N, C-alpha and C. Protein backbone atom coordinates (compact mmCIF):
# COMPACT_ATOMS: atom_id res chain seq x y z
N MET A 1 341.83 137.91 22.14
CA MET A 1 341.24 137.32 20.86
C MET A 1 340.81 138.82 20.10
N ALA A 2 340.97 138.83 18.91
CA ALA A 2 340.84 140.03 18.27
C ALA A 2 339.30 140.18 17.80
N THR A 3 338.66 139.23 17.56
CA THR A 3 337.23 139.10 17.02
C THR A 3 336.37 138.24 17.81
N PRO A 4 335.17 138.44 17.99
CA PRO A 4 334.27 137.40 18.51
C PRO A 4 334.14 136.21 17.78
N ASN A 5 334.14 136.27 16.40
CA ASN A 5 334.10 135.08 15.54
C ASN A 5 335.36 134.28 15.78
N GLY A 6 336.44 134.84 15.75
CA GLY A 6 337.71 134.07 15.97
C GLY A 6 337.75 133.38 17.38
N GLN A 7 337.36 134.09 18.39
CA GLN A 7 337.29 133.44 19.67
C GLN A 7 336.28 132.36 19.75
N ALA A 8 335.17 132.48 19.06
CA ALA A 8 334.19 131.43 18.96
C ALA A 8 334.76 130.13 18.32
N ALA A 9 335.41 130.26 17.27
CA ALA A 9 336.02 129.20 16.66
C ALA A 9 337.03 128.46 17.55
N PHE A 10 337.90 129.32 18.25
CA PHE A 10 338.78 128.58 19.07
C PHE A 10 338.16 127.88 20.26
N LEU A 11 337.07 128.61 20.78
CA LEU A 11 336.36 127.89 22.01
C LEU A 11 335.65 126.64 21.50
N PHE A 12 335.00 126.58 20.24
CA PHE A 12 334.40 125.40 19.89
C PHE A 12 335.45 124.28 19.59
N LEU A 13 336.68 124.62 19.24
CA LEU A 13 337.68 123.62 19.07
C LEU A 13 338.11 123.20 20.39
N LEU A 14 338.20 124.12 21.37
CA LEU A 14 338.70 123.75 22.73
C LEU A 14 337.68 122.84 23.34
N THR A 15 336.28 122.93 23.14
CA THR A 15 335.38 122.06 23.81
C THR A 15 335.09 120.85 22.88
N SER A 16 335.55 120.63 21.68
CA SER A 16 335.33 119.46 20.94
C SER A 16 336.09 118.35 21.22
N ALA A 17 335.79 117.18 20.61
CA ALA A 17 336.52 115.95 20.95
C ALA A 17 338.04 115.95 20.41
N ILE A 18 338.26 116.80 19.41
CA ILE A 18 339.55 116.84 18.73
C ILE A 18 340.62 117.59 19.55
N ALA A 19 340.22 118.36 20.51
CA ALA A 19 341.22 119.20 21.38
C ALA A 19 342.28 118.40 21.92
N PRO A 20 342.06 117.19 22.55
CA PRO A 20 343.16 116.42 23.07
C PRO A 20 344.01 115.92 21.85
N LEU A 21 343.56 115.67 20.69
CA LEU A 21 344.37 115.24 19.62
C LEU A 21 345.39 116.17 19.13
N VAL A 22 344.96 117.51 19.03
CA VAL A 22 345.95 118.52 18.60
C VAL A 22 346.53 119.27 19.96
N ARG A 23 346.34 118.72 21.07
CA ARG A 23 346.89 119.29 22.24
C ARG A 23 346.71 120.73 22.37
N LEU A 24 345.32 121.09 22.37
CA LEU A 24 344.77 122.51 22.44
C LEU A 24 344.33 122.66 23.79
N SER A 25 345.03 123.67 24.48
CA SER A 25 344.50 124.08 25.84
C SER A 25 344.25 125.58 25.67
N TYR A 26 343.56 126.20 26.81
CA TYR A 26 343.22 127.62 26.67
C TYR A 26 344.51 128.46 26.60
N GLY A 27 345.45 128.11 27.29
CA GLY A 27 346.74 128.88 27.16
C GLY A 27 347.37 128.83 25.77
N ARG A 28 347.31 127.70 25.26
CA ARG A 28 347.93 127.61 23.80
C ARG A 28 347.01 128.29 22.79
N MET A 29 345.80 128.30 23.16
CA MET A 29 344.78 129.07 22.18
C MET A 29 345.08 130.67 22.39
N VAL A 30 345.29 131.17 23.36
CA VAL A 30 345.69 132.55 23.66
C VAL A 30 347.08 132.82 23.00
N VAL A 31 348.01 131.98 22.98
CA VAL A 31 349.33 132.21 22.41
C VAL A 31 349.21 132.12 20.95
N MET A 32 348.31 131.22 20.42
CA MET A 32 348.11 131.08 18.90
C MET A 32 347.36 132.44 18.46
N ALA A 33 346.51 132.94 19.13
CA ALA A 33 345.72 134.18 18.66
C ALA A 33 346.57 135.53 19.01
N PHE A 34 347.51 135.56 19.72
CA PHE A 34 348.32 136.80 20.09
C PHE A 34 348.87 137.43 18.82
N PRO A 35 349.54 136.80 18.01
CA PRO A 35 350.06 137.43 16.86
C PRO A 35 349.02 138.17 16.01
N TYR A 36 347.84 137.50 15.90
CA TYR A 36 346.75 138.14 15.19
C TYR A 36 346.25 139.40 15.80
N THR A 37 346.26 139.25 17.04
CA THR A 37 345.65 140.48 17.75
C THR A 37 346.63 141.77 17.58
N ILE A 38 347.93 141.44 17.78
CA ILE A 38 348.89 142.51 17.58
C ILE A 38 348.86 143.09 16.21
N VAL A 39 348.88 142.18 15.21
CA VAL A 39 348.75 142.70 13.87
C VAL A 39 347.43 143.54 13.67
N MET A 40 346.25 143.14 14.04
CA MET A 40 345.08 143.84 13.75
C MET A 40 345.11 145.09 14.56
N GLY A 41 345.61 145.08 15.90
CA GLY A 41 345.69 146.42 16.57
C GLY A 41 346.69 147.37 15.95
N ALA A 42 347.78 146.82 15.41
CA ALA A 42 348.68 147.79 14.73
C ALA A 42 347.99 148.37 13.40
N VAL A 43 347.30 147.64 12.76
CA VAL A 43 346.49 148.08 11.42
C VAL A 43 345.43 149.15 11.99
N GLY A 44 344.78 148.82 12.99
CA GLY A 44 343.74 149.78 13.44
C GLY A 44 344.27 151.06 13.86
N LEU A 45 345.40 151.03 14.57
CA LEU A 45 346.12 152.29 15.14
C LEU A 45 346.53 153.04 13.91
N PHE A 46 347.13 152.30 12.97
CA PHE A 46 347.75 152.98 11.68
C PHE A 46 346.53 153.86 11.03
N CYS A 47 345.40 153.13 10.83
CA CYS A 47 344.26 153.71 10.15
C CYS A 47 343.71 154.85 10.93
N VAL A 48 343.64 154.81 12.18
CA VAL A 48 343.15 155.87 13.01
C VAL A 48 344.16 157.10 13.01
N ILE A 49 345.40 156.89 13.02
CA ILE A 49 346.33 157.99 13.01
C ILE A 49 346.29 158.62 11.72
N ASN A 50 346.26 157.90 10.60
CA ASN A 50 346.47 158.28 9.28
C ASN A 50 345.27 158.77 8.43
N LEU A 51 344.00 158.08 8.86
CA LEU A 51 342.85 158.26 8.10
C LEU A 51 341.77 159.13 8.74
N VAL A 52 341.89 159.22 10.06
CA VAL A 52 340.89 159.99 10.83
C VAL A 52 341.35 161.39 11.06
C-alpha cells in the first residue's frame, strides 16, 4: 500500500459488512493497490532523479 490513508480505507472496507458483497479479501486488496504503488513509486523515483 502506498499511503497509510489508502491502506486504512481498504482495511475499513475489509472489516465492514459489505466486504462479502464485493468479494473483497486481503489478497484482492493487495492486488488492487499494486498498480497505484508502482505508479507512485515511479513518480517518486523520477522526481528524485531529476529534481534533487
